[in-house]
Protein backbone atom coordinates (compact mmCIF):
# COMPACT_ATOMS: atom_id res chain seq x y z
CA UNK A 1 42.62 54.05 65.75
CA UNK A 2 43.58 52.76 62.01
CA UNK A 3 41.33 52.83 59.14
CA UNK A 4 41.51 50.66 56.20
CA UNK A 5 40.57 51.02 52.67
CA UNK A 6 39.91 48.40 50.09
CA UNK A 7 42.96 49.28 47.90
CA UNK A 8 45.29 48.19 50.29
CA UNK A 9 43.39 44.80 50.86
CA UNK A 10 43.42 44.19 47.45
CA UNK A 11 47.28 45.02 46.69
CA UNK A 12 47.99 42.93 49.70
CA UNK A 13 46.25 39.92 47.82
CA UNK A 14 47.76 40.70 44.89
CA UNK A 15 51.35 40.80 46.32
CA UNK A 16 50.21 37.68 48.16
CA UNK A 17 49.26 35.80 45.08
CA UNK A 18 52.17 37.00 42.92
CA UNK A 19 54.80 36.22 45.03
CA UNK A 20 53.85 32.59 46.44
CA UNK A 21 54.75 30.58 49.61
CA UNK A 22 58.64 30.79 48.78
CA UNK A 23 58.85 34.28 48.43
CA UNK A 24 61.16 35.55 51.52
CA UNK A 25 60.30 39.18 51.48
CA UNK A 26 56.72 41.00 50.54
CA UNK A 27 56.59 44.88 50.14
CA UNK A 28 52.70 45.66 50.54
CA UNK A 29 53.28 49.32 50.27
CA UNK A 30 53.55 51.70 47.34
CA UNK A 31 57.06 52.42 48.07
CA UNK A 32 58.74 50.87 44.75
CA UNK A 33 62.24 49.33 44.99
CA UNK A 34 62.09 48.36 48.50
CA UNK A 35 64.90 50.36 49.70
CA UNK A 36 64.51 52.52 53.09
CA UNK A 37 64.65 56.28 52.42
CA UNK A 38 66.16 58.35 54.69
CA UNK A 39 63.76 59.10 57.27
CA UNK A 40 61.59 56.32 56.72
CA UNK A 41 60.78 53.37 58.68
CA UNK A 42 60.13 49.91 57.54
CA UNK A 43 57.48 47.76 59.51
CA UNK A 44 58.65 44.02 59.29
CA UNK A 45 55.78 41.25 59.96
CA UNK A 46 56.77 37.97 59.88
CA UNK A 47 54.35 35.97 57.96
CA UNK A 48 55.48 32.43 58.97
CA UNK A 49 54.55 33.27 62.97
CA UNK A 50 52.23 30.80 63.97
CA UNK A 51 50.18 32.25 67.43
CA UNK A 52 49.73 29.58 70.01
CA UNK A 53 49.20 26.06 69.28
CA UNK A 54 46.36 25.24 67.55
CA UNK A 55 47.32 25.27 64.05
CA UNK A 56 46.27 23.78 61.30
CA UNK A 57 49.16 22.40 59.14
CA UNK A 58 47.90 23.59 55.67
CA UNK A 59 46.12 26.68 57.35
CA UNK A 60 47.41 29.84 57.20
CA UNK A 61 49.88 31.53 59.01
CA UNK A 62 48.82 34.21 61.87
CA UNK A 63 51.76 36.28 60.70
CA UNK A 64 50.41 36.23 57.36
CA UNK A 65 47.04 37.00 58.64
CA UNK A 66 48.28 39.86 61.02
CA UNK A 67 50.31 41.24 57.48
CA UNK A 68 46.91 40.75 55.54
CA UNK A 69 45.48 43.51 58.34
CA UNK A 70 47.99 45.61 58.06
CA UNK A 71 48.39 45.81 54.89
CA UNK A 72 44.74 47.57 55.02
CA UNK A 73 45.85 50.24 57.41
CA UNK A 74 45.96 53.79 56.70
CA UNK A 75 49.96 54.77 57.42
CA UNK A 76 51.91 57.55 58.04
CA UNK A 77 53.98 59.09 55.33
CA UNK A 78 57.04 56.95 54.95
CA UNK A 79 56.39 53.95 56.97
CA UNK A 80 56.68 50.77 54.96
CA UNK A 81 55.06 47.36 55.96
CA UNK A 82 57.10 44.47 54.62
CA UNK A 83 56.43 40.66 54.92
CA UNK A 84 59.45 38.59 55.87
CA UNK A 85 59.67 35.17 56.22
CA UNK A 86 60.94 34.51 59.83
CA UNK A 87 62.14 37.05 62.67
CA UNK A 88 63.05 33.81 65.17
CA UNK A 89 60.90 34.77 67.78
CA UNK A 90 58.86 31.52 67.01
CA UNK A 91 58.18 31.07 70.81
CA UNK A 92 56.73 34.67 71.16
CA UNK A 93 54.85 35.09 67.68
CA UNK A 94 53.11 36.93 66.18
CA UNK A 95 56.30 39.20 65.65
CA UNK A 96 57.08 42.77 63.93
CA UNK A 97 60.26 44.64 63.82
CA UNK A 98 60.31 48.52 63.21
CA UNK A 99 63.88 50.06 62.05
CA UNK A 100 64.90 52.84 60.24
CA UNK A 101 68.31 54.43 58.99
CA UNK A 102 70.07 56.14 62.26
CA UNK A 103 67.11 54.79 64.54
CA UNK A 104 67.37 52.22 67.23
CA UNK A 105 65.60 49.19 65.65
CA UNK A 106 62.60 47.35 67.84
CA UNK A 107 61.44 43.78 67.82
CA UNK A 108 58.08 43.17 69.44
CA UNK A 109 55.90 39.68 70.00
CA UNK A 110 53.00 38.11 71.85
CA UNK A 111 50.47 39.70 68.23
CA UNK A 112 47.40 38.57 67.95
CA UNK A 113 46.14 39.16 64.25
CA UNK A 114 43.08 39.96 65.61
CA UNK A 115 43.11 41.91 68.33
CA UNK A 116 46.65 44.18 67.62
CA UNK A 117 46.53 45.44 64.25
CA UNK A 118 45.48 49.02 65.92
CA UNK A 119 48.30 48.60 68.34
CA UNK A 120 50.93 48.27 66.17
CA UNK A 121 49.86 50.82 63.86
CA UNK A 122 49.73 53.59 66.55
CA UNK A 123 53.42 52.17 67.79
CA UNK A 124 54.71 52.71 64.65
CA UNK A 125 53.41 56.15 64.15
CA UNK A 126 54.94 56.79 67.28
CA UNK A 127 58.00 55.41 66.21
CA UNK A 128 57.97 56.90 62.78
CA UNK A 129 57.39 60.62 64.29
CA UNK A 130 60.93 60.06 66.51
CA UNK A 131 64.10 60.92 64.85
CA UNK A 132 65.75 58.37 66.20
CA UNK A 133 63.15 55.83 66.92
CA UNK A 134 63.33 56.59 70.87
CA UNK A 135 59.60 56.67 71.74
CA UNK A 136 59.12 57.42 75.86
CA UNK A 137 58.40 54.12 77.59
CA UNK A 138 55.20 55.83 78.74
CA UNK A 139 54.33 56.83 75.20
CA UNK A 140 54.44 53.53 74.10
CA UNK A 141 51.05 51.63 73.71
CA UNK A 142 50.84 49.26 76.74
CA UNK A 143 51.45 46.21 74.44
CA UNK A 144 54.71 47.23 73.18
CA UNK A 145 55.66 48.09 76.77
CA UNK A 146 55.10 44.63 78.07
CA UNK A 147 56.00 42.97 74.63
CA UNK A 148 59.35 44.15 73.48
CA UNK A 149 61.71 41.40 72.47
CA UNK A 150 64.89 43.73 71.53
CA UNK A 151 66.22 46.97 71.41
CA UNK A 152 69.59 47.33 68.69
CA UNK A 153 71.20 50.07 68.25
CA UNK A 154 71.34 51.77 65.14
CA UNK A 155 74.49 51.12 63.01
CA UNK A 156 77.39 53.94 62.91
CA UNK A 157 77.78 55.93 60.16
């Protein structure tokens, strides 16, 4: 299960207010310059995702709500949560991606901001613990097994 803290919530709200709607990316961690350190993992959260068809045009996007909830979680060392504008998986949002230097990248969809923050936390922790990003299929959270959009090989060094 995930744990939440008010400082992270305040940081996420502050970042949201500071960046505004025109921001392309937002780092809600304490990672500093946004660069991924060796061994570090980025959790990218699409903030423009809509979950379902009943979305008010001026209401908050489900992806932004998911980011807000994930920003409150107590993440393992080395995991940075970043909001990004679009992961081009609109038909299966909400969407997140896990990436890291020398690791396979995974894109997961069909996430509900109310139901799946703990699933994302669990999956990201397992991904961070795997040196190459390859978490054995049976060890992945069930939602990650059934809703993997893409698996992308690491860049060649």
